[in-house]
Protein backbone atom coordinates (compact mmCIF):
# COMPACT_ATOMS: atom_id res chain seq x y z
CA MET A 1 -2.62 -33.41 -17.99
CA ALA A 2 -1.66 -35.94 -15.71
CA ILE A 3 -4.77 -37.77 -14.53
CA LEU A 4 -2.60 -40.20 -12.18
CA SER A 5 0.49 -39.49 -10.13
CA ILE A 6 2.76 -41.64 -8.18
CA LYS A 7 4.58 -40.27 -5.97
CA ASN A 8 7.87 -41.88 -4.02
CA LEU A 9 5.83 -44.88 -3.50
CA SER A 10 6.89 -47.92 -1.61
CA LEU A 11 5.60 -51.20 -0.23
CA GLU A 12 7.25 -53.24 2.03
CA LYS A 13 6.48 -56.82 3.19
CA ALA A 14 8.61 -59.17 5.30
CA GLY A 15 11.26 -56.79 5.74
CA ARG A 16 11.49 -56.24 1.89
CA LYS A 17 10.81 -53.21 -0.07
CA ILE A 18 8.02 -54.73 -3.14
CA ILE A 19 7.56 -51.44 -4.66
CA ASP A 20 10.35 -48.86 -3.91
CA GLY A 21 10.20 -45.44 -4.35
CA VAL A 22 8.03 -45.65 -7.58
CA SER A 23 7.41 -41.91 -9.05
CA LEU A 24 5.72 -41.83 -12.42
CA GLU A 25 3.09 -39.74 -14.09
CA ILE A 26 0.54 -41.02 -16.91
CA GLU A 27 -1.41 -38.66 -19.08
CA ALA A 28 -4.95 -38.45 -19.50
CA GLY A 29 -6.05 -40.44 -22.43
CA LYS A 30 -3.05 -42.11 -23.17
CA THR A 31 -2.25 -45.62 -23.29
CA CYS A 32 0.63 -46.69 -21.39
CA ALA A 33 2.53 -50.02 -20.65
CA LEU A 34 4.25 -51.93 -17.23
CA VAL A 35 6.45 -54.38 -18.11
CA GLY A 36 9.45 -56.35 -16.65
CA PRO A 37 10.59 -59.71 -15.23
CA ASN A 38 8.52 -61.57 -13.00
CA GLY A 39 8.27 -60.53 -9.89
CA SER A 40 9.26 -56.77 -10.66
CA GLY A 41 6.15 -55.51 -8.83
CA LYS A 42 3.81 -54.85 -11.91
CA SER A 43 0.82 -56.16 -10.70
CA THR A 44 1.86 -55.33 -6.95
CA LEU A 45 1.78 -51.70 -8.29
CA ALA A 46 -2.14 -52.60 -9.85
CA TYR A 47 -3.10 -53.71 -6.72
CA ILE A 48 -2.06 -50.64 -4.70
CA LEU A 49 -3.97 -48.61 -7.21
CA MET A 50 -6.90 -50.25 -6.78
CA GLY A 51 -6.30 -50.57 -2.72
CA LEU A 52 -6.85 -54.30 -2.33
CA GLY A 53 -6.34 -54.84 1.27
CA GLU A 54 -2.69 -56.53 1.40
CA TYR A 55 -1.45 -53.36 -0.66
CA ARG A 56 -2.58 -50.82 1.66
CA GLU A 57 0.50 -50.21 3.97
CA ILE A 58 2.06 -47.79 1.15
CA SER A 59 4.48 -44.54 2.09
CA GLY A 60 4.20 -41.93 -0.53
CA ASP A 61 0.80 -40.99 -1.95
CA ILE A 62 -1.52 -41.65 -5.10
CA LEU A 63 -3.12 -38.81 -6.87
CA PHE A 64 -6.06 -39.41 -9.12
CA GLU A 65 -7.05 -36.58 -10.99
CA GLY A 66 -5.36 -34.22 -8.95
CA LYS A 67 -6.52 -35.74 -5.43
CA SER A 68 -5.01 -38.21 -3.41
CA ILE A 69 -7.01 -41.70 -3.19
CA LYS A 70 -4.40 -42.87 -0.75
CA LYS A 71 -7.35 -43.46 1.90
CA LEU A 72 -10.27 -44.19 -0.50
CA SER A 73 -11.42 -47.88 -0.37
CA ILE A 74 -11.71 -50.22 -3.30
CA SER A 75 -15.61 -49.31 -3.98
CA GLN A 76 -14.59 -45.51 -3.55
CA ARG A 77 -11.80 -45.78 -5.90
CA ALA A 78 -14.20 -47.65 -8.50
CA GLU A 79 -16.74 -44.34 -8.19
CA ALA A 80 -13.68 -42.31 -8.95
CA GLY A 81 -13.59 -44.00 -12.30
CA LEU A 82 -10.48 -46.62 -11.73
CA THR A 83 -10.89 -50.36 -12.75
CA LEU A 84 -8.91 -53.36 -12.98
CA ALA A 85 -9.22 -56.15 -15.44
CA TRP A 86 -7.66 -59.06 -14.03
CA GLN A 87 -4.93 -61.29 -15.48
CA GLU A 88 -7.46 -64.53 -14.28
CA PRO A 89 -10.78 -63.00 -14.60
CA ALA A 90 -13.00 -64.00 -11.56
CA ARG A 91 -15.94 -66.68 -12.27
CA PHE A 92 -19.51 -66.43 -10.91
CA GLN A 93 -21.58 -69.48 -10.12
CA GLY A 94 -25.04 -68.93 -11.48
CA LEU A 95 -24.58 -65.47 -12.97
CA LYS A 96 -25.55 -65.09 -16.11
CA VAL A 97 -23.31 -63.35 -18.52
CA GLY A 98 -26.23 -60.35 -19.64
CA ASP A 99 -26.77 -59.79 -16.08
CA TYR A 100 -22.99 -59.23 -15.28
CA LEU A 101 -22.93 -56.65 -17.90
CA GLY A 102 -26.18 -55.12 -17.36
CA ALA A 103 -25.12 -54.53 -13.83
CA SER A 104 -22.11 -51.70 -14.92
CA VAL A 105 -25.25 -49.62 -17.07
CA GLY A 106 -28.54 -50.37 -15.72
CA GLY A 107 -29.35 -53.06 -17.74
CA ASP A 108 -28.71 -51.07 -21.24
CA GLU A 109 -29.38 -53.72 -23.86
CA GLU A 110 -27.74 -51.54 -26.24
CA CYS A 111 -24.30 -51.16 -24.38
CA ILE A 112 -24.39 -54.87 -23.42
CA LEU A 113 -24.98 -55.75 -27.11
CA ASP A 114 -22.22 -53.39 -28.64
CA ALA A 115 -19.73 -54.09 -25.85
CA LEU A 116 -20.41 -57.71 -26.66
CA GLN A 117 -20.04 -57.41 -30.35
CA ARG A 118 -16.58 -54.91 -29.72
CA VAL A 119 -14.65 -58.21 -28.34
CA GLY A 120 -15.93 -60.67 -30.62
CA LEU A 121 -18.50 -62.39 -29.08
CA LYS A 122 -22.32 -63.19 -30.29
CA SER A 123 -25.30 -62.08 -28.04
CA GLU A 124 -27.50 -64.86 -29.02
CA LYS A 125 -24.86 -67.02 -27.57
CA TYR A 126 -23.39 -65.81 -24.56
CA LEU A 127 -26.23 -63.76 -23.24
CA SER A 128 -27.42 -66.65 -21.04
CA ARG A 129 -24.07 -68.30 -19.98
CA ALA A 130 -23.17 -68.35 -16.81
CA VAL A 131 -19.81 -66.77 -16.22
CA ASP A 132 -18.53 -69.70 -14.74
CA LYS A 133 -16.12 -72.48 -15.24
CA THR A 134 -18.12 -73.62 -18.66
CA LEU A 135 -16.29 -70.81 -20.25
CA SER A 136 -12.71 -70.71 -21.43
CA GLY A 137 -10.33 -68.74 -19.93
CA GLY A 138 -10.18 -66.76 -23.32
CA GLU A 139 -14.04 -66.25 -23.51
CA ARG A 140 -14.34 -65.07 -19.88
CA LYS A 141 -11.24 -62.47 -20.73
CA ARG A 142 -13.08 -61.21 -24.04
CA ILE A 143 -16.60 -61.09 -21.21
CA GLU A 144 -14.79 -58.97 -18.77
CA LEU A 145 -13.37 -56.50 -21.50
CA ALA A 146 -16.85 -56.30 -22.33
CA SER A 147 -17.92 -55.24 -19.04
CA ILE A 148 -14.67 -52.54 -18.66
CA ILE A 149 -16.57 -51.03 -22.26
CA CYS A 150 -20.01 -51.25 -20.33
CA MET A 151 -18.15 -49.14 -17.51
CA LYS A 152 -16.15 -46.51 -19.92
CA PRO A 153 -14.01 -45.91 -16.81
CA LYS A 154 -11.92 -42.94 -16.57
CA LEU A 155 -8.54 -45.26 -16.17
CA VAL A 156 -8.49 -48.68 -16.32
CA ILE A 157 -5.98 -51.16 -16.06
CA LEU A 158 -5.39 -54.50 -17.95
CA ASP A 159 -3.31 -57.25 -16.51
CA GLU A 160 -1.76 -59.08 -19.07
CA PRO A 161 -5.06 -58.98 -21.43
CA ASP A 162 -3.51 -61.42 -23.80
CA SER A 163 -2.77 -64.02 -21.52
CA GLY A 164 -4.19 -66.86 -22.79
CA VAL A 165 -5.75 -65.71 -25.61
CA ASP A 166 -5.74 -67.24 -29.23
CA ILE A 167 -4.69 -64.82 -32.56
CA GLU A 168 -7.80 -63.93 -33.09
CA ALA A 169 -8.70 -62.84 -29.43
CA LEU A 170 -5.56 -60.88 -29.35
CA LYS A 171 -7.11 -59.18 -31.95
CA LYS A 172 -9.66 -57.81 -30.21
CA VAL A 173 -7.71 -56.91 -26.97
CA PHE A 174 -5.82 -54.67 -29.58
CA GLU A 175 -9.59 -53.41 -31.07
CA VAL A 176 -10.66 -52.85 -27.38
CA MET A 177 -7.61 -50.85 -26.16
CA GLU A 178 -7.79 -48.44 -29.27
CA TYR A 179 -11.98 -48.25 -28.72
CA LEU A 180 -11.13 -47.23 -24.57
CA LYS A 181 -8.24 -44.67 -25.96
CA LYS A 182 -11.19 -43.27 -28.33
CA ILE A 183 -13.52 -42.54 -25.85
CA GLY A 184 -11.11 -41.31 -23.84
CA THR A 185 -10.45 -43.81 -21.27
CA THR A 186 -6.63 -44.24 -19.81
CA VAL A 187 -5.36 -47.44 -20.44
CA ILE A 188 -2.28 -49.04 -18.19
CA VAL A 189 -1.78 -52.52 -19.53
CA ILE A 190 0.87 -55.07 -17.86
CA THR A 191 2.49 -56.94 -20.76
CA HIS A 192 4.78 -59.66 -21.69
CA ASN A 193 4.05 -59.10 -25.72
CA VAL A 194 5.78 -57.05 -27.87
CA GLN A 195 2.67 -56.58 -29.80
CA VAL A 196 1.04 -55.15 -26.77
CA LEU A 197 3.66 -52.58 -25.97
CA LYS A 198 4.00 -51.51 -29.64
CA ARG A 199 0.54 -50.36 -29.30
CA THR A 200 1.07 -48.00 -26.36
CA ASP A 201 2.34 -44.27 -26.01
CA SER A 202 4.80 -44.77 -23.41
CA ALA A 203 5.89 -47.95 -20.91
CA PHE A 204 7.45 -47.73 -18.10
CA LEU A 205 10.13 -50.59 -16.97
CA LEU A 206 10.18 -52.41 -13.46
CA CYS A 207 12.51 -54.22 -11.76
CA ASP A 208 13.02 -55.26 -8.31
CA GLY A 209 10.32 -52.86 -7.52
CA LYS A 210 11.88 -50.02 -8.81
CA LEU A 211 10.91 -47.86 -12.11
CA ILE A 212 14.51 -48.08 -13.99
CA ASP A 213 13.28 -46.77 -17.39
CA GLU A 214 10.55 -44.40 -19.16
CA SER A 215 10.17 -44.32 -22.66
CA LYS A 216 8.24 -44.42 -25.80
CA GLY A 217 6.41 -48.30 -26.01
CA GLY A 218 8.76 -49.12 -29.09
CA ASP A 219 12.24 -47.83 -27.34
CA VAL A 220 11.36 -50.24 -24.08
CA ALA A 221 11.04 -53.10 -26.57
CA GLU A 222 14.62 -53.81 -26.34
CA TYR A 223 13.88 -55.02 -22.94
CA PHE A 224 12.40 -58.26 -24.45
CA LYS A 225 15.70 -58.55 -26.81
CA ASN A 226 17.05 -59.33 -23.29
CA ARG A 227 19.09 -56.07 -23.26
CA CYS A 228 18.22 -54.51 -19.86
CA LEU A 229 18.24 -51.44 -19.75
CA LYS A 230 19.88 -49.16 -17.09
CA CYS A 231 19.84 -52.02 -14.65
CA SER A 232 22.53 -53.33 -12.51
CA ARG A 233 20.30 -56.58 -11.87
CA LYS A 234 22.27 -59.72 -13.83
CA ASN A 235 18.78 -61.07 -14.98
CA LYS A 236 17.02 -61.78 -18.02
CA PRO A 237 13.17 -61.91 -18.83
CA ASP A 238 11.24 -65.25 -18.07
CA GLU A 239 11.49 -66.74 -21.81
CA ASP A 240 8.24 -68.79 -21.36
CA LYS A 241 6.30 -65.57 -20.58
CA ILE A 242 7.44 -63.41 -23.77
CA LYS A 243 4.98 -63.92 -26.55
CA LYS A 244 6.52 -62.62 -29.78
CA ILE A 245 3.50 -62.95 -32.15
């Protein structure tokens, strides 16, 4: 059963279609990937799904659990069970990690400690740390993943969770993806990483705002070999963004 159905979705800015007639369905409890060259519309699609202000003037429809969320606010979509982990996690000056995570679970200490353990961070070292520039990008990304574990959303979009993390942290990203799938969370991951892609059940290839191909994650990996699939556009993936670990 599809938890998310996108129907003929389009977004136009400055006379150009950023998302152009995209239709796709994502099954509940599955992990899928969005791949494509820079500027293909991957993050834009994520922002549309979350209802960000500049991305609301759309045509088409978005159904979540069979109901249209097109007119819902960001907070209403979050309450319905959607969330987004940003490529560049937010900083919160003065807010402690423990309070940041606790906000999602009403201060449930057991849940907070479990989430930190799952992302490989020691509670005694991080609970009192501020979620600000004193944390590295990789640390903030792990803490954001911990917050998602605490929230247990119905569907989460991970925007390049492998960006700016080392090998050890990437292993934790994989473990979190598996854990979320285990508890029934549907995961959409935006990635340029072949290893992340191979851990998904399916993948959608975007180019110029259009859906070009849909198949198993491993099949779309051909894209990373500079062999664009079913696409007339003469371009190659950005080599600096592709991480073959």
